[in-house]
C-alpha atoms as a PDB file:
ATOM      1  CA  UNK A   1     -26.022 -17.109  11.919  1.00  0.00           C
ATOM      2  CA  UNK A   2     -28.077 -13.910  10.540  1.00  0.00           C
ATOM      3  CA  UNK A   3     -28.867 -11.060  12.818  1.00  0.00           C
ATOM      4  CA  UNK A   4     -32.399  -9.848  13.408  1.00  0.00           C
ATOM      5  CA  UNK A   5     -32.384  -7.123  10.355  1.00  0.00           C
ATOM      6  CA  UNK A   6     -31.398  -9.660   8.039  1.00  0.00           C
ATOM      7  CA  UNK A   7     -33.947 -11.914   9.056  1.00  0.00           C
ATOM      8  CA  UNK A   8     -36.374  -9.637   8.709  1.00  0.00           C
ATOM      9  CA  UNK A   9     -35.161  -8.506   5.191  1.00  0.00           C
ATOM     10  CA  UNK A  10     -35.895 -11.755   4.379  1.00  0.00           C
ATOM     11  CA  UNK A  11     -38.919 -12.647   5.908  1.00  0.00           C
ATOM     12  CA  UNK A  12     -40.394  -9.033   4.227  1.00  0.00           C
ATOM     13  CA  UNK A  13     -38.533  -9.993   0.794  1.00  0.00           C
ATOM     14  CA  UNK A  14     -40.485 -13.385   0.743  1.00  0.00           C
ATOM     15  CA  UNK A  15     -43.888 -11.899   1.312  1.00  0.00           C
ATOM     16  CA  UNK A  16     -43.582  -9.123  -0.681  1.00  0.00           C
ATOM     17  CA  UNK A  17     -42.433 -10.836  -3.788  1.00  0.00           C
ATOM     18  CA  UNK A  18     -45.317 -12.844  -3.361  1.00  0.00           C
ATOM     19  CA  UNK A  19     -47.773 -10.170  -3.201  1.00  0.00           C
ATOM     20  CA  UNK A  20     -48.889 -11.365   0.010  1.00  0.00           C
ATOM     21  CA  UNK A  21     -49.138  -8.010   2.436  1.00  0.00           C
ATOM     22  CA  UNK A  22     -52.410  -7.516   1.313  1.00  0.00           C
ATOM     23  CA  UNK A  23     -53.596  -9.955   3.460  1.00  0.00           C
ATOM     24  CA  UNK A  24     -51.062  -9.067   6.561  1.00  0.00           C
ATOM     25  CA  UNK A  25     -53.059  -6.792   8.474  1.00  0.00           C
ATOM     26  CA  UNK A  26     -51.832  -6.652  12.148  1.00  0.00           C
ATOM     27  CA  UNK A  27     -54.950  -8.862  13.177  1.00  0.00           C
ATOM     28  CA  UNK A  28     -54.585 -11.885  11.408  1.00  0.00           C
ATOM     29  CA  UNK A  29     -50.571 -11.580  11.743  1.00  0.00           C
ATOM     30  CA  UNK A  30     -51.107 -11.738  15.443  1.00  0.00           C
ATOM     31  CA  UNK A  31     -53.538 -14.458  14.646  1.00  0.00           C
ATOM     32  CA  UNK A  32     -51.262 -16.855  12.286  1.00  0.00           C
ATOM     33  CA  UNK A  33     -48.527 -16.075  15.452  1.00  0.00           C
ATOM     34  CA  UNK A  34     -50.763 -17.479  18.112  1.00  0.00           C
ATOM     35  CA  UNK A  35     -51.547 -20.229  15.008  1.00  0.00           C
ATOM     36  CA  UNK A  36     -48.069 -21.032  14.851  1.00  0.00           C
ATOM     37  CA  UNK A  37     -47.275 -20.875  18.617  1.00  0.00           C
ATOM     38  CA  UNK A  38     -50.214 -23.897  19.255  1.00  0.00           C
ATOM     39  CA  UNK A  39     -48.576 -25.889  17.102  1.00  0.00           C
ATOM     40  CA  UNK A  40     -45.604 -25.813  18.859  1.00  0.00           C
ATOM     41  CA  UNK A  41     -47.501 -26.380  21.858  1.00  0.00           C
ATOM     42  CA  UNK A  42     -49.045 -29.792  20.474  1.00  0.00           C
ATOM     43  CA  UNK A  43     -45.497 -31.280  20.698  1.00  0.00           C
ATOM     44  CA  UNK A  44     -45.955 -30.842  24.488  1.00  0.00           C
ATOM     45  CA  UNK A  45     -49.612 -31.498  24.857  1.00  0.00           C
ATOM     46  CA  UNK A  46     -50.188 -34.504  27.083  1.00  0.00           C
ATOM     47  CA  UNK A  47     -46.922 -35.610  27.655  1.00  0.00           C
ATOM     48  CA  UNK A  48     -45.043 -35.842  30.976  1.00  0.00           C
ATOM     49  CA  UNK A  49     -41.377 -34.824  31.349  1.00  0.00           C
ATOM     50  CA  UNK A  50     -40.226 -38.257  30.309  1.00  0.00           C
ATOM     51  CA  UNK A  51     -42.533 -38.511  27.297  1.00  0.00           C
ATOM     52  CA  UNK A  52     -41.002 -34.567  26.364  1.00  0.00           C
ATOM     53  CA  UNK A  53     -37.605 -35.417  26.499  1.00  0.00           C
ATOM     54  CA  UNK A  54     -37.647 -38.325  24.457  1.00  0.00           C
ATOM     55  CA  UNK A  55     -40.151 -36.869  21.697  1.00  0.00           C
ATOM     56  CA  UNK A  56     -37.731 -33.831  21.549  1.00  0.00           C
ATOM     57  CA  UNK A  57     -34.968 -36.281  20.791  1.00  0.00           C
ATOM     58  CA  UNK A  58     -36.726 -37.961  17.603  1.00  0.00           C
ATOM     59  CA  UNK A  59     -38.867 -34.704  16.436  1.00  0.00           C
ATOM     60  CA  UNK A  60     -36.483 -32.031  16.979  1.00  0.00           C
ATOM     61  CA  UNK A  61     -36.394 -30.804  13.657  1.00  0.00           C
ATOM     62  CA  UNK A  62     -39.838 -30.726  14.047  1.00  0.00           C
ATOM     63  CA  UNK A  63     -40.143 -28.577  16.923  1.00  0.00           C
ATOM     64  CA  UNK A  64     -37.617 -26.458  15.422  1.00  0.00           C
ATOM     65  CA  UNK A  65     -39.700 -25.748  12.480  1.00  0.00           C
ATOM     66  CA  UNK A  66     -42.297 -24.313  14.272  1.00  0.00           C
ATOM     67  CA  UNK A  67     -40.091 -22.118  16.784  1.00  0.00           C
ATOM     68  CA  UNK A  68     -39.216 -20.628  13.207  1.00  0.00           C
ATOM     69  CA  UNK A  69     -42.682 -20.120  12.585  1.00  0.00           C
ATOM     70  CA  UNK A  70     -43.142 -18.438  15.223  1.00  0.00           C
ATOM     71  CA  UNK A  71     -40.149 -16.224  14.628  1.00  0.00           C
ATOM     72  CA  UNK A  72     -41.425 -15.161  11.276  1.00  0.00           C
ATOM     73  CA  UNK A  73     -44.691 -14.039  12.695  1.00  0.00           C
ATOM     74  CA  UNK A  74     -42.789 -12.157  15.664  1.00  0.00           C
ATOM     75  CA  UNK A  75     -40.448 -10.411  13.142  1.00  0.00           C
ATOM     76  CA  UNK A  76     -43.395  -9.701  10.578  1.00  0.00           C
ATOM     77  CA  UNK A  77     -45.444  -7.947  12.956  1.00  0.00           C
ATOM     78  CA  UNK A  78     -42.565  -6.108  14.587  1.00  0.00           C
ATOM     79  CA  UNK A  79     -41.493  -5.103  10.738  1.00  0.00           C
ATOM     80  CA  UNK A  80     -45.298  -3.711  10.295  1.00  0.00           C
ATOM     81  CA  UNK A  81     -45.863  -2.175  13.504  1.00  0.00           C
ATOM     82  CA  UNK A  82     -42.104  -0.604  13.236  1.00  0.00           C
ATOM     83  CA  UNK A  83     -41.134  -2.128  16.413  1.00  0.00           C
ATOM     84  CA  UNK A  84     -37.805  -2.961  17.328  1.00  0.00           C
ATOM     85  CA  UNK A  85     -37.928  -6.415  19.064  1.00  0.00           C
ATOM     86  CA  UNK A  86     -34.804  -6.567  20.427  1.00  0.00           C
ATOM     87  CA  UNK A  87     -35.204  -3.185  22.016  1.00  0.00           C
ATOM     88  CA  UNK A  88     -38.821  -4.140  22.945  1.00  0.00           C
ATOM     89  CA  UNK A  89     -36.980  -7.465  24.903  1.00  0.00           C
ATOM     90  CA  UNK A  90     -34.683  -5.218  26.521  1.00  0.00           C
ATOM     91  CA  UNK A  91     -37.229  -2.962  27.952  1.00  0.00           C
ATOM     92  CA  UNK A  92     -39.178  -6.074  29.119  1.00  0.00           C
ATOM     93  CA  UNK A  93     -36.399  -7.837  30.963  1.00  0.00           C
ATOM     94  CA  UNK A  94     -36.063  -4.502  32.982  1.00  0.00           C
ATOM     95  CA  UNK A  95     -39.100  -4.114  33.772  1.00  0.00           C
ATOM     96  CA  UNK A  96     -39.924  -7.967  34.680  1.00  0.00           C
ATOM     97  CA  UNK A  97     -36.389  -7.192  36.874  1.00  0.00           C
ATOM     98  CA  UNK A  98     -38.343  -4.699  38.958  1.00  0.00           C
ATOM     99  CA  UNK A  99     -41.308  -6.783  39.407  1.00  0.00           C
ATOM    100  CA  UNK A 100     -39.605  -9.936  40.428  1.00  0.00           C
ATOM    101  CA  UNK A 101     -36.619  -9.030  42.225  1.00  0.00           C
ATOM    102  CA  UNK A 102     -34.165 -11.617  42.781  1.00  0.00           C
ATOM    103  CA  UNK A 103     -34.672 -11.813  46.561  1.00  0.00           C
ATOM    104  CA  UNK A 104     -38.399 -12.342  46.538  1.00  0.00           C
ATOM    105  CA  UNK A 105     -38.609 -14.587  43.374  1.00  0.00           C
ATOM    106  CA  UNK A 106     -35.488 -16.584  43.140  1.00  0.00           C
ATOM    107  CA  UNK A 107     -36.726 -19.872  43.095  1.00  0.00           C
ATOM    108  CA  UNK A 108     -40.642 -19.289  43.391  1.00  0.00           C
ATOM    109  CA  UNK A 109     -43.274 -19.604  40.554  1.00  0.00           C
ATOM    110  CA  UNK A 110     -45.815 -16.723  42.256  1.00  0.00           C
ATOM    111  CA  UNK A 111     -46.912 -14.107  40.542  1.00  0.00           C
ATOM    112  CA  UNK A 112     -45.040 -10.475  40.946  1.00  0.00           C
ATOM    113  CA  UNK A 113     -48.196  -9.109  42.640  1.00  0.00           C
ATOM    114  CA  UNK A 114     -48.263 -11.851  45.437  1.00  0.00           C
ATOM    115  CA  UNK A 115     -44.497 -11.969  46.412  1.00  0.00           C
END
């Protein structure tokens, strides 16, 4: 499996050979990311857990394509904003660990400010 840098290079190359960078300002890329996330959500909307499990079995490729689209826009926006997504994720995980200590949050869905 390719690493993040390799995937990002492929994404940027895909965009650049088509001369699409001119359309890819941060606002529009973020909108595209949200739209693709919404398309992913459509696979789960109005389904109970059993229906979701059945849907994923029969539509796994379509769901995986939507996840890929979300990742595409995440990596492209990260590249354009000069943000290392793995470093950002590492920092966010540390921050969340402080906000949600295991002792207070284990097995609970309560927001950090109400623990």
